[in-house]
C-alpha atoms as a PDB file:
ATOM      1  CA  MET A   1      -5.881 -17.232  -0.107  1.00  0.00           C
ATOM      2  CA  LYS A   2      -5.087 -16.919   3.571  1.00  0.00           C
ATOM      3  CA  LEU A   3      -1.800 -16.255   5.337  1.00  0.00           C
ATOM      4  CA  SER A   4      -2.027 -19.617   7.088  1.00  0.00           C
ATOM      5  CA  GLU A   5      -2.162 -21.359   3.676  1.00  0.00           C
ATOM      6  CA  LEU A   6       1.217 -19.985   2.532  1.00  0.00           C
ATOM      7  CA  LYS A   7       3.815 -22.750   2.370  1.00  0.00           C
ATOM      8  CA  ASN A   8       7.454 -22.418   3.270  1.00  0.00           C
ATOM      9  CA  GLY A   9       9.134 -21.505  -0.041  1.00  0.00           C
ATOM     10  CA  ALA A  10       6.123 -19.684  -1.499  1.00  0.00           C
ATOM     11  CA  VAL A  11       6.796 -16.599  -3.608  1.00  0.00           C
ATOM     12  CA  VAL A  12       4.577 -13.567  -2.961  1.00  0.00           C
ATOM     13  CA  GLU A  13       4.226 -10.263  -4.781  1.00  0.00           C
ATOM     14  CA  ILE A  14       3.116  -7.142  -2.951  1.00  0.00           C
ATOM     15  CA  ARG A  15       1.074  -4.309  -4.463  1.00  0.00           C
ATOM     16  CA  ASN A  16       4.135  -2.179  -5.290  1.00  0.00           C
ATOM     17  CA  GLY A  17       5.578  -5.022  -7.431  1.00  0.00           C
ATOM     18  CA  GLU A  18       8.282  -6.308  -5.102  1.00  0.00           C
ATOM     19  CA  ARG A  19       8.593 -10.069  -4.640  1.00  0.00           C
ATOM     20  CA  PHE A  20       9.451 -12.006  -1.498  1.00  0.00           C
ATOM     21  CA  LEU A  21      10.200 -15.618  -0.592  1.00  0.00           C
ATOM     22  CA  LYS A  22       8.485 -17.049   2.496  1.00  0.00           C
ATOM     23  CA  VAL A  23      10.965 -18.752   4.793  1.00  0.00           C
ATOM     24  CA  ASP A  24       9.524 -19.910   8.105  1.00  0.00           C
ATOM     25  CA  ASN A  25       7.757 -16.839   9.550  1.00  0.00           C
ATOM     26  CA  THR A  26       9.625 -14.284   7.393  1.00  0.00           C
ATOM     27  CA  PHE A  27       9.367 -12.854   3.875  1.00  0.00           C
ATOM     28  CA  LEU A  28      12.827 -12.389   2.300  1.00  0.00           C
ATOM     29  CA  ASP A  29      13.304  -9.825  -0.499  1.00  0.00           C
ATOM     30  CA  LEU A  30      14.111 -11.583  -3.800  1.00  0.00           C
ATOM     31  CA  ASN A  31      15.975  -8.509  -5.115  1.00  0.00           C
ATOM     32  CA  MET A  32      18.795  -9.351  -2.688  1.00  0.00           C
ATOM     33  CA  ASN A  33      18.548  -5.959  -0.971  1.00  0.00           C
ATOM     34  CA  GLY A  34      18.721  -7.601   2.420  1.00  0.00           C
ATOM     35  CA  LEU A  35      15.156  -6.567   3.202  1.00  0.00           C
ATOM     36  CA  TYR A  36      12.815  -8.833   5.075  1.00  0.00           C
ATOM     37  CA  MET A  37       9.412  -8.611   6.725  1.00  0.00           C
ATOM     38  CA  PRO A  38       8.038 -10.758   9.522  1.00  0.00           C
ATOM     39  CA  ALA A  39       4.974 -12.649   8.272  1.00  0.00           C
ATOM     40  CA  ASP A  40       3.085 -12.052  11.501  1.00  0.00           C
ATOM     41  CA  ILE A  41       2.635  -8.331  10.712  1.00  0.00           C
ATOM     42  CA  TYR A  42       0.135  -9.377   8.012  1.00  0.00           C
ATOM     43  CA  ASN A  43      -3.451 -10.200   8.858  1.00  0.00           C
ATOM     44  CA  GLU A  44      -4.997 -13.500   7.723  1.00  0.00           C
ATOM     45  CA  ASN A  45      -6.338 -11.884   4.513  1.00  0.00           C
ATOM     46  CA  LEU A  46      -2.800 -10.964   3.367  1.00  0.00           C
ATOM     47  CA  ARG A  47      -3.268  -7.281   4.223  1.00  0.00           C
ATOM     48  CA  TYR A  48      -0.546  -5.108   5.725  1.00  0.00           C
ATOM     49  CA  PRO A  49      -2.326  -2.971   8.331  1.00  0.00           C
ATOM     50  CA  ARG A  50      -0.250   0.210   8.054  1.00  0.00           C
ATOM     51  CA  ASN A  51       0.220   0.629   4.288  1.00  0.00           C
ATOM     52  CA  SER A  52      -1.802  -0.969   1.472  1.00  0.00           C
ATOM     53  CA  ASP A  53       1.253  -0.787  -0.855  1.00  0.00           C
ATOM     54  CA  TYR A  54       2.537  -3.817   1.069  1.00  0.00           C
ATOM     55  CA  ASP A  55      -0.631  -5.924   0.697  1.00  0.00           C
ATOM     56  CA  ILE A  56       0.074  -9.316  -0.884  1.00  0.00           C
ATOM     57  CA  VAL A  57      -1.634  -9.414  -4.290  1.00  0.00           C
ATOM     58  CA  ALA A  58      -0.179 -12.583  -5.880  1.00  0.00           C
ATOM     59  CA  VAL A  59       1.105 -15.908  -4.559  1.00  0.00           C
ATOM     60  CA  ASN A  60       2.842 -18.912  -6.061  1.00  0.00           C
ATOM     61  CA  ASN A  61       2.524 -21.706  -3.534  1.00  0.00           C
ATOM     62  CA  SER A  62       3.935 -24.539  -5.696  1.00  0.00           C
ATOM     63  CA  VAL A  63       7.092 -25.354  -3.785  1.00  0.00           C
ATOM     64  CA  LYS A  64       8.013 -28.311  -6.042  1.00  0.00           C
ATOM     65  CA  ASN A  65       7.389 -28.880  -9.710  1.00  0.00           C
ATOM     66  CA  ASN A  66       7.913 -31.821 -12.039  1.00  0.00           C
ATOM     67  CA  ARG A  67      11.252 -30.491 -13.361  1.00  0.00           C
ATOM     68  CA  GLY A  68      12.997 -31.187 -10.074  1.00  0.00           C
ATOM     69  CA  TYR A  69      13.882 -27.592  -9.258  1.00  0.00           C
ATOM     70  CA  LEU A  70      14.542 -26.887  -5.612  1.00  0.00           C
ATOM     71  CA  ASN A  71      11.821 -24.259  -5.588  1.00  0.00           C
ATOM     72  CA  GLY A  72       9.141 -24.642  -8.241  1.00  0.00           C
ATOM     73  CA  ALA A  73       7.518 -21.363  -7.189  1.00  0.00           C
ATOM     74  CA  LEU A  74      10.662 -19.389  -8.103  1.00  0.00           C
ATOM     75  CA  TYR A  75      10.855 -21.120 -11.489  1.00  0.00           C
ATOM     76  CA  ASP A  76       7.146 -20.570 -12.218  1.00  0.00           C
ATOM     77  CA  VAL A  77       7.250 -16.879 -11.275  1.00  0.00           C
ATOM     78  CA  TYR A  78      10.482 -15.854 -12.999  1.00  0.00           C
ATOM     79  CA  LYS A  79      10.421 -18.103 -16.075  1.00  0.00           C
ATOM     80  CA  ARG A  80       6.685 -18.339 -16.756  1.00  0.00           C
ATOM     81  CA  ASN A  81       5.195 -15.474 -14.673  1.00  0.00           C
ATOM     82  CA  LYS A  82       2.744 -18.013 -13.241  1.00  0.00           C
ATOM     83  CA  TRP A  83       0.839 -17.439 -10.009  1.00  0.00           C
ATOM     84  CA  THR A  84      -1.327 -19.941  -8.119  1.00  0.00           C
ATOM     85  CA  TRP A  85      -3.456 -17.108  -6.666  1.00  0.00           C
ATOM     86  CA  GLU A  86      -3.969 -13.457  -7.635  1.00  0.00           C
ATOM     87  CA  GLU A  87      -6.081 -10.823  -5.948  1.00  0.00           C
ATOM     88  CA  PRO A  88      -9.153 -10.098  -8.079  1.00  0.00           C
ATOM     89  CA  LYS A  89      -8.817  -6.703  -9.719  1.00  0.00           C
ATOM     90  CA  SER A  90     -11.638  -4.223  -9.249  1.00  0.00           C
ATOM     91  CA  ILE A  91     -12.817  -2.108 -12.203  1.00  0.00           C
ATOM     92  CA  LEU A  92     -13.508   0.976 -10.070  1.00  0.00           C
ATOM     93  CA  THR A  93     -11.629   2.592  -7.225  1.00  0.00           C
ATOM     94  CA  ASP A  94     -13.330   2.688  -3.825  1.00  0.00           C
ATOM     95  CA  LYS A  95     -14.069   6.401  -4.271  1.00  0.00           C
ATOM     96  CA  GLU A  96     -15.653   5.832  -7.713  1.00  0.00           C
ATOM     97  CA  LYS A  97     -17.781   2.974  -6.335  1.00  0.00           C
ATOM     98  CA  GLU A  98     -18.967   5.112  -3.431  1.00  0.00           C
ATOM     99  CA  TYR A  99     -19.962   7.967  -5.758  1.00  0.00           C
ATOM    100  CA  LEU A 100     -21.812   5.740  -8.244  1.00  0.00           C
ATOM    101  CA  LYS A 101     -23.614   3.925  -5.420  1.00  0.00           C
ATOM    102  CA  ALA A 102     -24.935   7.250  -4.147  1.00  0.00           C
ATOM    103  CA  VAL A 103     -26.006   8.438  -7.618  1.00  0.00           C
ATOM    104  CA  CYS A 104     -27.676   5.133  -8.562  1.00  0.00           C
ATOM    105  CA  LYS A 105     -29.357   4.416  -5.227  1.00  0.00           C
ATOM    106  CA  PRO A 106     -32.810   5.910  -6.002  1.00  0.00           C
ATOM    107  CA  PHE A 107     -33.063   4.210  -9.410  1.00  0.00           C
ATOM    108  CA  GLU A 108     -33.344   0.742 -10.868  1.00  0.00           C
ATOM    109  CA  VAL A 109     -30.172   0.796 -12.930  1.00  0.00           C
ATOM    110  CA  GLU A 110     -30.014  -1.530 -15.903  1.00  0.00           C
ATOM    111  CA  TYR A 111     -26.463  -0.800 -17.010  1.00  0.00           C
ATOM    112  CA  ILE A 112     -23.662   1.761 -16.896  1.00  0.00           C
ATOM    113  CA  ARG A 113     -21.141   2.750 -19.543  1.00  0.00           C
ATOM    114  CA  LYS A 114     -18.354   5.246 -20.129  1.00  0.00           C
ATOM    115  CA  ILE A 115     -18.867   7.260 -23.289  1.00  0.00           C
ATOM    116  CA  LYS A 116     -16.575   9.614 -25.175  1.00  0.00           C
ATOM    117  CA  GLY A 117     -17.585  13.112 -26.298  1.00  0.00           C
ATOM    118  CA  TYR A 118     -15.755  15.155 -28.909  1.00  0.00           C
ATOM    119  CA  PHE A 119     -15.571  18.916 -28.547  1.00  0.00           C
ATOM    120  CA  VAL A 120     -14.037  21.652 -30.696  1.00  0.00           C
ATOM    121  CA  ASP A 121     -10.651  21.562 -29.025  1.00  0.00           C
ATOM    122  CA  SER A 122     -10.717  18.498 -26.757  1.00  0.00           C
ATOM    123  CA  VAL A 123     -12.036  15.042 -26.028  1.00  0.00           C
ATOM    124  CA  GLY A 124     -13.945  14.264 -22.854  1.00  0.00           C
ATOM    125  CA  GLU A 125     -15.637  11.287 -21.259  1.00  0.00           C
ATOM    126  CA  CYS A 126     -18.697  10.851 -19.116  1.00  0.00           C
ATOM    127  CA  ILE A 127     -20.600   8.109 -17.332  1.00  0.00           C
ATOM    128  CA  ALA A 128     -24.021   7.225 -18.764  1.00  0.00           C
ATOM    129  CA  ILE A 129     -26.426   5.404 -16.466  1.00  0.00           C
ATOM    130  CA  ASP A 130     -29.356   3.641 -18.148  1.00  0.00           C
ATOM    131  CA  ILE A 131     -32.377   3.166 -15.903  1.00  0.00           C
ATOM    132  CA  ASN A 132     -35.824   1.614 -16.147  1.00  0.00           C
ATOM    133  CA  ASN A 133     -38.563   4.223 -15.952  1.00  0.00           C
ATOM    134  CA  TYR A 134     -41.773   2.463 -14.895  1.00  0.00           C
ATOM    135  CA  TYR A 135     -43.750   5.698 -14.783  1.00  0.00           C
ATOM    136  CA  PHE A 136     -43.837   5.915 -18.573  1.00  0.00           C
ATOM    137  CA  ASN A 137     -44.683   2.433 -19.898  1.00  0.00           C
ATOM    138  CA  SER A 138     -41.376   0.817 -18.948  1.00  0.00           C
ATOM    139  CA  CYS A 139     -39.283   3.033 -21.191  1.00  0.00           C
ATOM    140  CA  HIS A 140     -35.550   3.483 -20.607  1.00  0.00           C
ATOM    141  CA  ASP A 141     -33.986   6.767 -19.575  1.00  0.00           C
ATOM    142  CA  SER A 142     -30.331   7.728 -19.403  1.00  0.00           C
ATOM    143  CA  ILE A 143     -28.575   9.946 -16.931  1.00  0.00           C
ATOM    144  CA  CYS A 144     -25.282  11.425 -18.097  1.00  0.00           C
ATOM    145  CA  LEU A 145     -22.945  12.629 -15.397  1.00  0.00           C
ATOM    146  CA  PRO A 146     -20.777  15.703 -16.138  1.00  0.00           C
ATOM    147  CA  TYR A 147     -17.961  15.312 -18.643  1.00  0.00           C
ATOM    148  CA  PHE A 148     -14.401  14.966 -17.400  1.00  0.00           C
ATOM    149  CA  GLU A 149     -11.021  15.084 -19.083  1.00  0.00           C
ATOM    150  CA  GLU A 150     -10.159  11.927 -21.030  1.00  0.00           C
ATOM    151  CA  ASN A 151      -8.396   9.148 -19.039  1.00  0.00           C
ATOM    152  CA  THR A 152      -8.558  10.986 -15.710  1.00  0.00           C
ATOM    153  CA  MET A 153     -11.438   9.134 -14.013  1.00  0.00           C
ATOM    154  CA  TYR A 154     -12.991   5.657 -14.192  1.00  0.00           C
ATOM    155  CA  LYS A 155      -9.769   4.395 -15.777  1.00  0.00           C
ATOM    156  CA  GLY A 156     -10.729   0.741 -15.225  1.00  0.00           C
ATOM    157  CA  MET A 157     -13.790   1.073 -17.476  1.00  0.00           C
ATOM    158  CA  GLU A 158     -13.551   0.633 -21.239  1.00  0.00           C
ATOM    159  CA  VAL A 159     -15.230   3.245 -23.441  1.00  0.00           C
ATOM    160  CA  ASP A 160     -18.619   2.098 -24.844  1.00  0.00           C
ATOM    161  CA  ARG A 161     -18.582  -1.208 -22.975  1.00  0.00           C
ATOM    162  CA  VAL A 162     -21.809  -1.987 -21.109  1.00  0.00           C
ATOM    163  CA  TYR A 163     -21.386  -2.866 -17.406  1.00  0.00           C
ATOM    164  CA  THR A 164     -24.005  -4.118 -15.006  1.00  0.00           C
ATOM    165  CA  PRO A 165     -24.094  -2.632 -11.501  1.00  0.00           C
ATOM    166  CA  LYS A 166     -23.011  -6.043 -10.180  1.00  0.00           C
ATOM    167  CA  GLU A 167     -19.879  -6.039 -12.390  1.00  0.00           C
ATOM    168  CA  LEU A 168     -18.933  -2.614 -11.012  1.00  0.00           C
ATOM    169  CA  GLU A 169     -19.671  -3.809  -7.450  1.00  0.00           C
ATOM    170  CA  ILE A 170     -22.084  -0.969  -6.693  1.00  0.00           C
ATOM    171  CA  TYR A 171     -25.091  -3.122  -5.662  1.00  0.00           C
END
């Protein structure tokens, strides 16, 4: 979705959860706080240059619907929580991607998973990286990164689910 594709009457949601109505070249706050933002401060990719909390992450561009409402986008968003476009959600943060890219770079990684470890007085998690080892008859080796406190890192990954490097956007 591009800024130029937003119709007059479109409803947008920004990263912090606030919703705005596009009227001409302005976004009006739907919480009736009297707030507004000029649309021209956004770049074409719906990014707010000074603060990513104001990036547009969801759009409902259906200005009319078959029920005859004045603004179908408002009806769809508030009654059915329906969006015509949503920003794809990434599994890893940028920092996590950068770290895993660096760790995996010298290897041919087959898949990556988050595993849980149980200790005497706590539960921890770690990242296991399964690689092809062609030096020893194509066997598979695993690299386990250091354990970390449960639910503190790699929060977008499910425990014991297998991810390919492509899914995690590290290759």
